[in-house]
Protein backbone atom coordinates (compact mmCIF):
# COMPACT_ATOMS: atom_id res chain seq x y z
CA MET A 1 213.94 18.78 -0.94
CA GLY A 2 213.21 19.41 2.65
CA ARG A 3 210.50 17.47 4.41
CA HIS A 4 208.48 15.09 2.31
CA GLY A 5 208.36 11.65 3.76
CA VAL A 6 204.92 10.92 5.30
CA ASP A 7 203.40 14.21 4.11
CA SER A 8 204.38 13.61 0.52
CA SER A 9 203.11 10.06 0.45
CA ALA A 10 199.85 11.10 2.07
CA ASP A 11 199.32 13.85 -0.51
CA GLU A 12 200.01 11.48 -3.33
CA GLU A 13 197.73 8.88 -1.85
CA PHE A 14 194.82 11.31 -1.96
CA GLY A 15 195.89 12.66 -5.39
CA PHE A 16 197.68 15.84 -4.30
CA SER A 17 201.33 16.81 -5.07
CA GLY A 18 203.53 19.89 -5.45
CA HIS A 19 205.64 22.23 -3.41
CA ARG A 20 204.88 23.93 -0.16
CA ASP A 21 205.28 27.66 0.32
CA GLY A 22 206.86 28.93 3.44
CA GLY A 23 207.09 25.44 4.86
CA ARG A 24 203.32 24.95 4.47
CA GLY A 25 203.15 23.97 0.81
CA SER A 26 200.09 23.87 -1.45
CA GLY A 27 199.52 20.19 -0.52
CA GLY A 28 198.54 21.14 3.03
CA ARG A 29 196.21 23.76 1.73
CA TRP A 30 194.51 21.25 -0.59
CA ALA A 31 194.12 18.76 2.27
CA LEU A 32 192.35 21.40 4.31
CA VAL A 33 190.09 22.25 1.38
CA ALA A 34 189.26 18.55 0.95
CA LEU A 35 188.28 18.22 4.57
CA VAL A 36 186.03 21.26 4.28
CA LEU A 37 184.39 19.85 1.15
CA VAL A 38 183.75 16.53 2.86
CA ALA A 39 182.18 18.33 5.82
CA VAL A 40 179.97 20.38 3.52
CA LEU A 41 178.86 17.27 1.64
CA VAL A 42 178.00 15.44 4.85
CA ALA A 43 176.10 18.42 6.19
CA GLY A 44 174.27 18.72 2.91
CA LEU A 45 173.34 15.07 3.01
CA ILE A 46 171.96 15.45 6.53
CA LEU A 47 170.01 18.56 5.53
CA TRP A 48 168.69 16.82 2.42
CA ARG A 49 167.47 13.89 4.49
CA THR A 50 165.96 16.24 7.03
CA VAL A 51 164.00 18.14 4.40
CA TRP A 52 163.06 14.93 2.61
CA ASP A 53 161.47 13.23 5.61
CA GLY A 54 159.98 16.36 7.14
CA SER A 55 161.77 16.04 10.47
CA GLY A 56 163.46 19.43 10.55
CA THR A 57 162.45 23.05 10.40
CA ASP A 58 164.55 24.16 7.39
CA CYS A 59 161.99 23.27 4.73
CA ASP A 60 161.92 24.07 1.03
CA SER A 61 158.12 23.88 1.38
CA ARG A 62 155.56 22.96 3.99
CA GLU A 63 152.81 20.37 3.67
CA ALA A 64 149.32 21.17 5.00
CA VAL A 65 147.80 18.18 6.80
CA ALA A 66 144.08 18.13 7.67
CA VAL A 67 143.28 16.12 10.80
CA ILE A 68 139.80 15.26 12.03
CA ALA A 69 139.36 13.89 15.53
CA ASP A 70 136.62 12.78 17.84
CA PRO A 71 135.38 15.88 19.72
CA SER A 72 136.59 14.39 23.02
CA MET A 73 140.13 14.36 21.65
CA ALA A 74 140.22 17.41 19.36
CA GLY A 75 140.73 20.06 22.04
CA THR A 76 143.62 18.17 23.61
CA LEU A 77 145.15 17.41 20.23
CA LYS A 78 145.32 20.97 18.89
CA PRO A 79 148.28 22.21 21.00
CA VAL A 80 150.05 18.88 20.52
CA ALA A 81 149.58 19.21 16.75
CA ALA A 82 150.96 22.75 16.93
CA GLN A 83 154.10 21.39 18.61
CA ALA A 84 154.37 18.72 15.91
CA SER A 85 154.08 21.45 13.25
CA SER A 86 156.85 23.55 14.77
CA GLY A 87 159.24 20.60 14.73
CA SER A 88 158.53 19.41 11.21
CA CYS A 89 157.68 20.52 7.70
CA TYR A 90 153.99 19.74 8.19
CA ASP A 91 151.24 22.16 9.17
CA PHE A 92 148.64 20.16 11.09
CA THR A 93 145.12 21.57 11.34
CA VAL A 94 142.77 19.75 13.74
CA THR A 95 138.97 19.80 13.38
CA ALA A 96 136.47 18.13 15.72
CA VAL A 97 134.09 15.78 13.86
CA SER A 98 131.63 13.46 15.64
CA GLY A 99 131.46 9.79 14.71
CA ALA A 100 128.08 10.23 13.02
CA ASN A 101 129.55 12.78 10.57
CA VAL A 102 132.85 11.11 9.72
CA ALA A 103 131.49 9.02 6.83
CA GLY A 104 130.49 12.18 4.98
CA GLN A 105 133.98 13.60 5.43
CA LEU A 106 135.70 10.47 4.12
CA THR A 107 133.69 10.46 0.89
CA LYS A 108 134.84 13.90 -0.28
CA GLY A 109 137.49 12.53 -2.63
CA ASP A 110 140.46 14.88 -2.90
CA GLN A 111 138.89 17.05 -0.20
CA ALA A 112 138.81 14.21 2.32
CA PRO A 113 140.78 14.71 5.56
CA ASP A 114 144.32 13.35 5.65
CA LEU A 115 144.24 11.85 9.14
CA TRP A 116 141.40 10.67 11.36
CA ILE A 117 141.74 9.98 15.07
CA ALA A 118 138.63 7.94 15.89
CA ASP A 119 137.47 7.24 19.43
CA SER A 120 137.84 3.48 18.96
CA GLN A 121 139.04 0.88 16.50
CA THR A 122 135.52 -0.55 16.47
CA ARG A 123 134.12 2.81 15.33
CA ALA A 124 136.92 3.15 12.77
CA ARG A 125 136.11 -0.28 11.33
CA LYS A 126 132.38 0.45 11.12
CA VAL A 127 132.84 3.75 9.34
CA THR A 128 135.44 2.48 6.88
CA ASP A 129 133.21 -0.51 6.12
CA GLN A 130 130.32 1.89 5.57
CA VAL A 131 132.22 3.98 3.02
CA ARG A 132 133.95 0.92 1.58
CA VAL A 133 137.55 1.91 2.13
CA SER A 134 140.30 -0.17 3.69
CA PRO A 135 141.29 0.95 7.19
CA ASP A 136 144.86 2.29 6.94
CA ILE A 137 145.96 2.49 10.57
CA ILE A 138 149.06 4.52 11.39
CA ALA A 139 148.82 4.03 15.15
CA ASP A 140 146.63 1.46 16.90
CA SER A 141 146.16 3.73 19.90
CA VAL A 142 147.35 7.25 20.76
CA ALA A 143 145.34 7.43 24.02
CA ALA A 144 142.76 5.45 25.99
CA SER A 145 139.70 5.92 28.16
CA PRO A 146 137.49 3.19 29.66
CA VAL A 147 133.70 3.43 29.44
CA VAL A 148 132.14 4.09 32.86
CA VAL A 149 128.72 4.29 34.47
CA VAL A 150 128.21 7.60 36.28
CA ALA A 151 125.57 8.08 38.96
CA LYS A 152 124.87 9.23 42.48
CA ASP A 153 125.16 6.43 45.07
CA ALA A 154 125.43 3.75 42.37
CA ALA A 155 124.74 0.19 43.49
CA PRO A 156 127.31 -2.51 42.62
CA LEU A 157 126.96 -3.79 39.07
CA GLN A 158 127.80 -7.35 38.07
CA ASN A 159 127.56 -6.98 34.30
CA TRP A 160 126.23 -4.71 31.59
CA VAL A 161 122.75 -6.26 31.74
CA ASP A 162 122.53 -4.65 35.18
CA VAL A 163 123.47 -1.35 33.53
CA MET A 164 120.90 -1.72 30.73
CA THR A 165 118.09 -2.10 33.26
CA LEU A 166 119.06 0.82 35.51
CA PRO A 167 116.01 3.07 36.04
CA GLY A 168 116.27 6.36 34.18
CA LEU A 169 119.48 5.43 32.35
CA ARG A 170 120.59 7.88 29.65
CA LEU A 171 123.18 7.17 26.98
CA GLY A 172 124.23 8.23 23.50
CA ASN A 173 122.81 6.65 20.36
CA PRO A 174 124.32 3.14 20.14
CA ILE A 175 124.36 3.37 16.36
CA ASP A 176 126.92 6.19 16.21
CA SER A 177 128.37 6.44 19.72
CA SER A 178 131.11 4.19 21.10
CA THR A 179 129.96 4.85 24.65
CA GLY A 180 126.31 4.52 23.65
CA ASP A 181 126.80 0.99 22.35
CA ALA A 182 128.90 -0.07 25.36
CA PRO A 183 125.97 -1.57 27.32
CA ILE A 184 124.94 -3.65 24.31
CA VAL A 185 128.50 -4.82 23.57
CA GLY A 186 129.17 -5.52 27.24
CA ALA A 187 125.97 -7.55 27.64
CA LEU A 188 126.76 -9.40 24.41
CA ALA A 189 130.18 -10.32 25.84
CA ALA A 190 128.43 -11.73 28.92
CA GLU A 191 126.07 -13.73 26.70
CA GLN A 192 128.98 -15.11 24.67
CA ASP A 193 130.73 -16.12 27.91
CA GLY A 194 127.61 -17.95 29.07
CA ALA A 195 126.99 -15.62 32.01
CA ILE A 196 123.51 -14.73 30.71
CA THR A 197 121.07 -16.33 28.29
CA ARG A 198 120.10 -15.03 24.87
CA LYS A 199 116.61 -14.18 26.18
CA GLU A 200 118.09 -12.21 29.08
CA PHE A 201 120.21 -10.29 26.59
CA THR A 202 117.25 -9.62 24.26
CA ASP A 203 114.91 -8.62 27.08
CA ALA A 204 117.49 -6.23 28.55
CA MET A 205 118.07 -4.64 25.14
CA THR A 206 114.31 -4.30 24.65
CA LEU A 207 113.80 -2.58 28.00
CA LEU A 208 116.73 -0.30 27.24
CA ALA A 209 115.24 0.63 23.86
CA LEU A 210 111.87 1.37 25.42
CA GLN A 211 113.45 3.46 28.15
CA GLN A 212 115.60 5.44 25.73
CA GLY A 213 112.41 6.48 23.96
CA ASN A 214 111.87 8.91 26.82
CA ALA A 215 115.21 10.63 26.18
CA ARG A 216 115.02 14.21 25.00
CA VAL A 217 115.46 14.91 21.33
CA GLY A 218 117.89 17.75 22.09
CA GLY A 219 120.52 18.10 24.78
CA ASP A 220 121.98 14.67 24.12
CA SER A 221 125.70 15.34 24.50
CA ASP A 222 127.82 13.63 27.14
CA GLY A 223 128.08 16.89 29.03
CA ASP A 224 124.31 17.38 29.02
CA ARG A 225 123.72 13.84 30.25
CA LEU A 226 126.28 14.30 33.03
CA ALA A 227 124.57 17.53 34.06
CA LEU A 228 121.23 15.68 34.08
CA ALA A 229 122.74 12.92 36.23
CA ALA A 230 124.09 15.53 38.67
CA GLY A 231 120.67 17.08 39.07
CA SER A 232 118.59 13.90 39.20
CA ASP A 233 118.71 10.16 39.76
CA SER A 234 119.35 9.39 36.08
CA PRO A 235 122.63 7.52 35.62
CA THR A 236 124.53 7.80 32.37
CA VAL A 237 127.26 6.03 30.41
CA VAL A 238 130.27 8.08 29.26
CA SER A 239 134.02 7.73 28.91
CA GLU A 240 136.18 8.12 31.99
CA GLN A 241 137.78 11.14 30.30
CA HIS A 242 134.43 12.88 29.93
CA PHE A 243 133.61 12.22 33.57
CA ILE A 244 137.02 13.51 34.76
CA GLU A 245 136.58 16.65 32.67
CA PHE A 246 133.07 17.22 34.08
CA ALA A 247 134.07 16.45 37.68
CA ARG A 248 136.94 18.95 37.57
CA ALA A 249 134.56 21.65 36.40
CA ASN A 250 131.82 20.56 38.84
CA PRO A 251 133.56 19.30 42.01
CA ASP A 252 130.30 19.27 44.01
CA SER A 253 128.26 17.23 41.49
CA GLY A 254 128.03 14.23 43.82
CA LEU A 255 128.64 11.88 40.89
CA THR A 256 130.92 8.85 41.03
CA PRO A 257 132.12 6.57 38.22
CA SER A 258 131.99 2.78 38.31
CA ILE A 259 132.27 -0.23 36.04
CA PRO A 260 130.59 -3.66 36.21
CA ALA A 261 132.50 -6.36 38.04
CA ASP A 262 133.06 -8.38 34.86
CA GLY A 263 134.78 -5.48 33.04
CA THR A 264 134.23 -2.73 30.51
CA MET A 265 135.10 -1.53 27.03
CA VAL A 266 137.96 0.90 26.42
CA LEU A 267 138.11 3.66 23.81
CA ASP A 268 141.55 3.33 22.22
CA TYR A 269 141.74 6.31 19.81
CA PRO A 270 143.49 4.91 16.71
CA MET A 271 145.02 7.17 14.05
CA LEU A 272 144.07 6.39 10.44
CA ASN A 273 145.50 7.58 7.14
CA THR A 274 142.42 8.74 5.21
CA ALA A 275 144.18 10.79 2.51
CA SER A 276 143.64 10.39 -1.21
CA ALA A 277 145.81 7.81 -2.99
CA ALA A 278 148.20 10.45 -4.32
CA ARG A 279 148.97 11.68 -0.78
CA LYS A 280 149.05 8.37 1.09
CA ASP A 281 152.85 8.10 1.38
CA THR A 282 153.32 11.72 2.39
CA ILE A 283 150.56 11.53 5.00
CA ALA A 284 151.94 8.27 6.38
CA LYS A 285 155.13 10.16 7.27
CA ALA A 286 153.16 13.13 8.61
CA GLY A 287 151.01 10.83 10.73
CA ALA A 288 154.09 9.16 12.15
CA LYS A 289 155.42 12.59 13.19
CA LEU A 290 152.13 13.50 14.86
CA ALA A 291 151.93 10.14 16.65
CA GLU A 292 155.51 10.61 17.81
CA GLN A 293 154.64 14.00 19.28
CA ILE A 294 151.55 12.60 21.04
CA ALA A 295 153.74 9.88 22.56
CA SER A 296 156.34 12.40 23.75
CA ASP A 297 156.54 13.65 27.32
CA GLN A 298 154.76 16.83 26.28
CA GLY A 299 152.02 14.86 24.56
CA ALA A 300 151.57 12.54 27.53
CA GLN A 301 151.24 15.53 29.85
CA ALA A 302 148.55 17.01 27.60
CA LEU A 303 146.62 13.73 27.55
CA THR A 304 146.68 13.19 31.31
CA ALA A 305 145.83 16.84 31.93
CA SER A 306 142.63 16.27 29.93
CA GLY A 307 141.70 13.07 31.76
CA PHE A 308 142.93 10.54 29.19
CA ARG A 309 145.11 7.54 29.83
CA THR A 310 148.26 7.33 27.72
CA SER A 311 147.53 3.68 26.91
CA VAL A 312 145.00 0.95 27.65
CA ASP A 313 147.26 -0.47 30.36
CA ALA A 314 148.24 2.88 31.89
CA PRO A 315 146.99 3.74 35.39
CA GLY A 316 143.91 5.89 35.35
CA PRO A 317 143.79 9.56 36.31
CA GLU A 318 142.91 10.67 39.82
CA GLY A 319 139.16 10.49 40.29
CA GLY A 320 138.76 7.71 37.72
CA VAL A 321 137.90 4.05 38.16
CA GLY A 322 141.45 2.72 38.49
CA PRO A 323 142.60 -0.55 36.87
CA VAL A 324 140.04 -2.13 34.54
CA THR A 325 139.34 -5.51 33.02
CA VAL A 326 138.90 -5.04 29.27
CA LEU A 327 135.98 -6.96 27.74
CA THR A 328 136.34 -8.49 24.28
CA LEU A 329 133.88 -10.39 22.12
CA LYS A 330 134.61 -14.00 21.22
CA ASP A 331 132.66 -13.44 18.01
CA PRO A 332 132.98 -9.75 17.00
CA SER A 333 130.62 -10.23 14.04
CA GLN A 334 127.73 -10.54 16.51
CA GLU A 335 128.15 -6.90 17.49
CA ASP A 336 126.95 -5.69 14.09
CA LYS A 337 123.96 -8.04 14.29
CA ALA A 338 123.09 -6.81 17.79
CA LEU A 339 123.20 -3.21 16.62
CA ARG A 340 120.94 -4.05 13.67
CA GLN A 341 118.51 -5.49 16.20
CA TRP A 342 118.84 -2.32 18.25
CA ALA A 343 118.06 -0.24 15.17
CA VAL A 344 114.78 -2.16 14.80
CA LEU A 345 113.96 -1.80 18.50
CA GLY A 346 114.85 1.87 18.39
CA VAL A 347 112.03 2.66 15.97
CA PRO A 348 109.16 4.04 18.11
CA ILE A 349 105.96 2.07 18.45
CA ARG A 350 102.60 3.11 17.01
CA SER A 351 99.82 0.74 18.01
CA LEU A 352 96.08 0.43 18.35
CA VAL A 353 95.28 -1.54 21.52
CA VAL A 354 91.98 -3.42 21.19
CA GLU A 355 90.54 -4.80 24.46
CA ASP A 356 87.74 -7.29 24.99
CA ALA A 357 84.69 -5.80 26.76
CA SER A 358 82.41 -8.83 26.39
CA GLY A 359 80.43 -10.21 29.34
CA SER A 360 82.85 -13.08 29.91
CA MET A 361 85.45 -10.55 31.11
CA GLU A 362 83.46 -10.46 34.36
CA GLU A 363 84.62 -14.01 35.13
CA PRO A 364 86.97 -14.43 38.12
CA ALA A 365 90.74 -14.41 37.55
CA GLY A 366 92.71 -15.01 40.72
CA ASP A 367 91.68 -12.44 43.30
CA SER A 368 89.96 -10.24 40.73
CA THR A 369 88.02 -10.45 37.49
CA ARG A 370 89.47 -10.79 34.01
CA ALA A 371 88.56 -7.18 33.28
CA GLU A 372 90.26 -5.96 36.45
CA MET A 373 93.33 -8.05 35.57
CA LEU A 374 93.38 -6.43 32.14
CA VAL A 375 93.08 -2.94 33.64
CA GLU A 376 96.04 -3.62 35.94
CA ALA A 377 98.12 -5.02 33.09
CA SER A 378 97.22 -2.08 30.83
CA GLN A 379 98.23 0.41 33.50
CA ASN A 380 101.58 -1.36 33.96
CA GLY A 381 102.09 -1.56 30.22
CA LEU A 382 101.32 2.12 29.81
CA LYS A 383 104.09 2.93 32.30
CA LEU A 384 106.46 0.77 30.29
CA PHE A 385 106.01 2.55 26.97
CA PRO A 386 108.12 5.69 26.47
CA ASN A 387 106.82 9.13 25.55
CA ASN A 388 107.62 8.70 21.86
CA THR A 389 105.14 5.79 21.64
CA ALA A 390 101.86 6.50 19.83
CA LEU A 391 98.90 4.53 21.23
CA GLY A 392 95.19 4.41 20.61
CA ALA A 393 92.47 2.28 22.24
CA TRP A 394 89.31 0.46 21.21
CA LEU A 395 86.91 -1.73 23.18
CA PHE A 396 84.86 -4.48 21.52
CA SER A 397 82.05 -6.95 22.09
CA ILE A 398 79.05 -7.12 19.68
CA ASN A 399 77.37 -3.93 18.45
CA LEU A 400 79.28 -1.99 21.10
CA GLY A 401 79.80 0.92 18.72
CA GLY A 402 76.27 0.81 17.33
CA GLN A 403 74.25 -1.63 15.30
CA GLY A 404 76.58 -3.67 13.09
CA GLN A 405 79.77 -2.23 14.63
CA ASP A 406 81.39 -4.40 17.26
CA TRP A 407 84.12 -1.93 18.25
CA LEU A 408 84.06 1.35 20.14
CA PRO A 409 86.99 3.79 19.76
CA ILE A 410 87.81 5.38 23.11
CA ALA A 411 91.15 7.06 22.29
CA PRO A 412 92.78 8.07 18.97
CA ILE A 413 96.32 7.00 18.09
CA GLU A 414 98.57 9.79 19.35
CA ARG A 415 101.97 10.15 20.99
CA LEU A 416 101.82 9.66 24.73
CA ASP A 417 103.39 13.06 25.37
CA THR A 418 100.83 14.93 23.23
CA VAL A 419 99.07 17.58 25.33
CA ASP A 420 95.41 18.44 24.72
CA ALA A 421 93.67 21.80 25.15
CA ASP A 422 93.08 21.08 28.84
CA GLY A 423 96.76 20.46 29.51
CA GLN A 424 96.27 16.71 29.82
CA THR A 425 98.77 14.38 28.14
CA HIS A 426 97.56 11.55 25.94
CA ARG A 427 99.09 9.12 28.46
CA GLN A 428 96.90 10.60 31.20
CA TYR A 429 93.82 10.44 28.99
CA LEU A 430 94.42 6.77 28.22
CA GLU A 431 94.78 6.04 31.94
CA SER A 432 91.43 7.68 32.57
CA GLN A 433 89.79 5.52 29.89
CA ILE A 434 91.41 2.22 30.86
CA VAL A 435 89.86 2.19 34.32
CA THR A 436 86.35 2.42 32.85
CA LEU A 437 86.57 -1.05 31.26
CA PRO A 438 84.79 -2.95 34.10
CA ASP A 439 81.83 -0.57 33.80
CA ARG A 440 81.43 -1.18 30.04
CA LEU A 441 81.19 -4.97 29.97
CA GLY A 442 78.38 -6.90 28.29
CA GLY A 443 77.44 -8.97 25.30
CA ALA A 444 79.30 -11.57 23.26
CA THR A 445 82.68 -11.41 21.49
CA GLY A 446 82.89 -9.84 18.04
CA LEU A 447 86.52 -10.74 17.40
CA TYR A 448 86.90 -11.13 13.63
CA ASP A 449 85.14 -7.98 12.35
CA THR A 450 86.92 -5.93 15.01
CA THR A 451 90.32 -7.34 14.07
CA LEU A 452 89.84 -6.53 10.39
CA ALA A 453 88.61 -3.01 11.15
CA ALA A 454 91.54 -2.35 13.49
CA PHE A 455 94.04 -3.55 10.87
CA LYS A 456 92.52 -1.24 8.25
CA GLU A 457 92.52 1.68 10.71
CA VAL A 458 96.25 1.38 11.38
CA GLN A 459 97.16 0.69 7.77
CA ASP A 460 95.08 3.62 6.44
CA SER A 461 96.74 5.99 8.94
CA TYR A 462 100.19 4.36 8.56
CA ASP A 463 103.15 6.44 9.76
CA PRO A 464 106.53 5.40 8.27
CA ASN A 465 108.39 6.93 11.22
CA PHE A 466 106.94 4.28 13.55
CA SER A 467 106.59 0.51 13.85
CA ASN A 468 102.85 0.14 13.20
CA SER A 469 100.82 -2.61 14.86
CA VAL A 470 97.52 -3.80 16.36
CA ILE A 471 97.39 -5.46 19.79
CA ILE A 472 94.32 -7.63 20.39
CA LEU A 473 93.51 -8.76 23.95
CA THR A 474 90.61 -11.20 24.43
CA ASP A 475 89.46 -14.00 26.71
CA GLY A 476 87.22 -15.74 24.21
CA GLN A 477 86.47 -16.63 20.63
CA ASN A 478 84.44 -15.02 17.90
CA GLU A 479 80.70 -15.21 18.75
CA ASP A 480 79.29 -12.87 16.10
CA ASP A 481 77.26 -15.02 13.71
CA ASN A 482 76.99 -12.14 11.24
CA SER A 483 80.72 -11.47 11.03
CA ILE A 484 83.37 -12.51 8.58
CA SER A 485 84.68 -16.05 9.05
CA LEU A 486 88.18 -16.88 10.28
CA GLN A 487 89.25 -18.01 6.81
CA GLY A 488 87.68 -14.91 5.29
CA LEU A 489 89.54 -12.75 7.80
CA LEU A 490 92.87 -14.43 7.05
CA ALA A 491 92.30 -14.04 3.30
CA GLU A 492 91.43 -10.34 3.72
CA LEU A 493 94.54 -9.70 5.82
CA LYS A 494 96.70 -11.35 3.17
CA ALA A 495 95.02 -9.36 0.40
CA LEU A 496 95.50 -6.08 2.27
CA GLU A 497 99.15 -6.78 3.12
CA ASP A 498 101.39 -4.02 1.77
CA PRO A 499 105.19 -4.32 2.12
CA ALA A 500 105.42 -0.52 1.94
CA ARG A 501 103.04 -0.20 4.91
CA PRO A 502 103.63 -3.23 7.12
CA VAL A 503 101.23 -3.65 10.05
CA LEU A 504 101.71 -6.49 12.53
CA ILE A 505 98.90 -7.98 14.61
CA LEU A 506 99.94 -9.13 18.07
CA THR A 507 97.35 -11.24 19.88
CA ILE A 508 97.15 -11.91 23.62
CA GLY A 509 94.77 -14.54 24.93
CA ILE A 510 93.55 -13.93 28.48
CA THR A 511 93.36 -17.23 30.40
CA GLU A 512 93.02 -20.67 28.86
CA ASP A 513 89.48 -19.89 27.66
CA ALA A 514 90.83 -17.77 24.82
CA ASP A 515 90.76 -19.27 21.32
CA ALA A 516 94.53 -19.68 21.16
CA ASP A 517 94.51 -21.45 17.78
CA SER A 518 92.54 -18.71 15.99
CA LEU A 519 94.60 -15.98 17.67
CA GLN A 520 97.80 -17.66 16.49
CA GLN A 521 96.54 -17.88 12.92
CA ILE A 522 95.56 -14.19 12.94
CA ALA A 523 98.98 -13.17 14.20
CA ASP A 524 100.77 -15.43 11.71
CA ALA A 525 98.86 -13.89 8.80
CA THR A 526 100.65 -10.56 9.36
CA GLY A 527 103.99 -11.80 10.70
CA GLY A 528 102.98 -10.94 14.25
CA THR A 529 103.15 -12.97 17.44
CA SER A 530 100.62 -14.57 19.79
CA TYR A 531 100.69 -15.20 23.54
CA VAL A 532 98.48 -16.55 26.30
CA ALA A 533 98.50 -14.76 29.66
CA GLU A 534 97.23 -16.22 32.92
CA SER A 535 97.83 -13.15 35.10
CA ALA A 536 98.34 -9.40 34.95
CA ALA A 537 102.07 -9.98 35.38
CA ASP A 538 102.01 -12.32 32.38
CA ILE A 539 100.41 -9.61 30.25
CA SER A 540 103.08 -7.09 31.24
CA THR A 541 105.77 -9.61 30.31
CA VAL A 542 103.98 -10.24 27.05
CA PHE A 543 104.19 -6.53 26.20
CA VAL A 544 107.99 -6.74 26.48
CA ASP A 545 108.08 -9.99 24.50
CA ALA A 546 105.89 -8.46 21.82
CA VAL A 547 108.26 -5.53 21.42
CA ALA A 548 111.29 -7.83 21.48
CA SER A 549 109.77 -9.96 18.73
CA ARG A 550 110.49 -7.12 16.30
CA ILE A 551 114.18 -8.03 16.28
CA GLU A 552 113.25 -11.12 14.27
CA ALA A 553 113.28 -8.72 11.34
CA ALA A 554 116.99 -8.18 11.95
CA GLY A 555 117.84 -11.87 12.35
CA ARG A 556 119.17 -13.80 15.31
């Protein structure tokens, strides 16, 4: 039979038998065919898996994947996403969407974006909470960039309270900007660590809110603020990546980045799956492919070329701030409360300032008179209030405005940056009127009628875009025998109270001669606050405290 032996038994073992032709037999031919079939099946299995998980380029179909990203990341991400598309069965399209506009995108149902790369996990949490969806994080961080303070010849900073009180500071809106809220979060971390008191935190946030009222309505991008810092002494707060990008384009800007000694916040750029329920599983795989490409050598090169760090712990780019200490909050829930307080402080002020012009204001107060002290305090306070503040002014004694009218209007309630026909701003006009107070003194104190009239004036002209109030400054007590009584005044204020048009009365007693008890009752009737000032400096401090008191509406 010729040669069988091992060959024959092997054929039979695999189910083949028969004769060979020309010494090669049909069994050998069948073995070769079997090997080819096995190879084809294995190759097919590999191809099937490749197509199934989207990791190859031989695709039965391609899946379009819509990606939105923070504008700081979008430009860098587009070429990386193109590389991810070429090596997979997904077509990634990247669109820049700012944090303030993401919520609208995520509520589009089936038209919502598939992936979102936020600038921080904090921002991602806030937005997903806002639209009431669970955060579905594919990657905790695809890049990083610490928040820095940028200025010319910046002085050393110990903590973020120092940053909040920098003269001329400009920053993004803390409500929708992760760099804009950095000073508040950083100062809150210091307060939680016991480095500062709650009052120091509140006062710093109040001063910051007042100062930000001078910021321009337009031109509020990071690039615009950096350009402003380069051409002035106004420091700003941006990400390290934004500064690196600006410095490369403007090598002679003279700007340097720094961080407070106790640390800073870091933008960590998480990737979230924001697709509709029907696409969640598919997009999870697509997101993993994109994250893999970002983490590749090519992706890392793209990130560093744009000024990003590849991770929170990675060394910073040349020209950055180097190694950083990352600040975290012991109680993260307090951040939302602090930002609610900021939202209250951020509403511009509209107030009628009512100043005592009675004869007793001629009495000595330190090295000057009470009237001169009030003029000094008013001038300092006027410098404190930002351009978007609307202020008006009255003086009062008895019959100062004519028989039966104890008050005299000297300036209408207008924004401080309003310009009149002569080219004079309202701020300048108020300054010119304030200094005339010592020349107008005389008579007794008509406190109660004036207070009621001032309240009605502000309520009748109420502007919902402002926080409306009356500020009463007096050194005495009501001396008008023909006026309404204290109890009558309190009853009238309660009767006039309108939740749709809230007006607070803030009272400031000048020296211990002021009727502190009556002033407190008047303030309490409207939910306002009352203070006693012994000096001009005290009055200036009181102005800050009065503004800060508004955060009571947002809770402690």
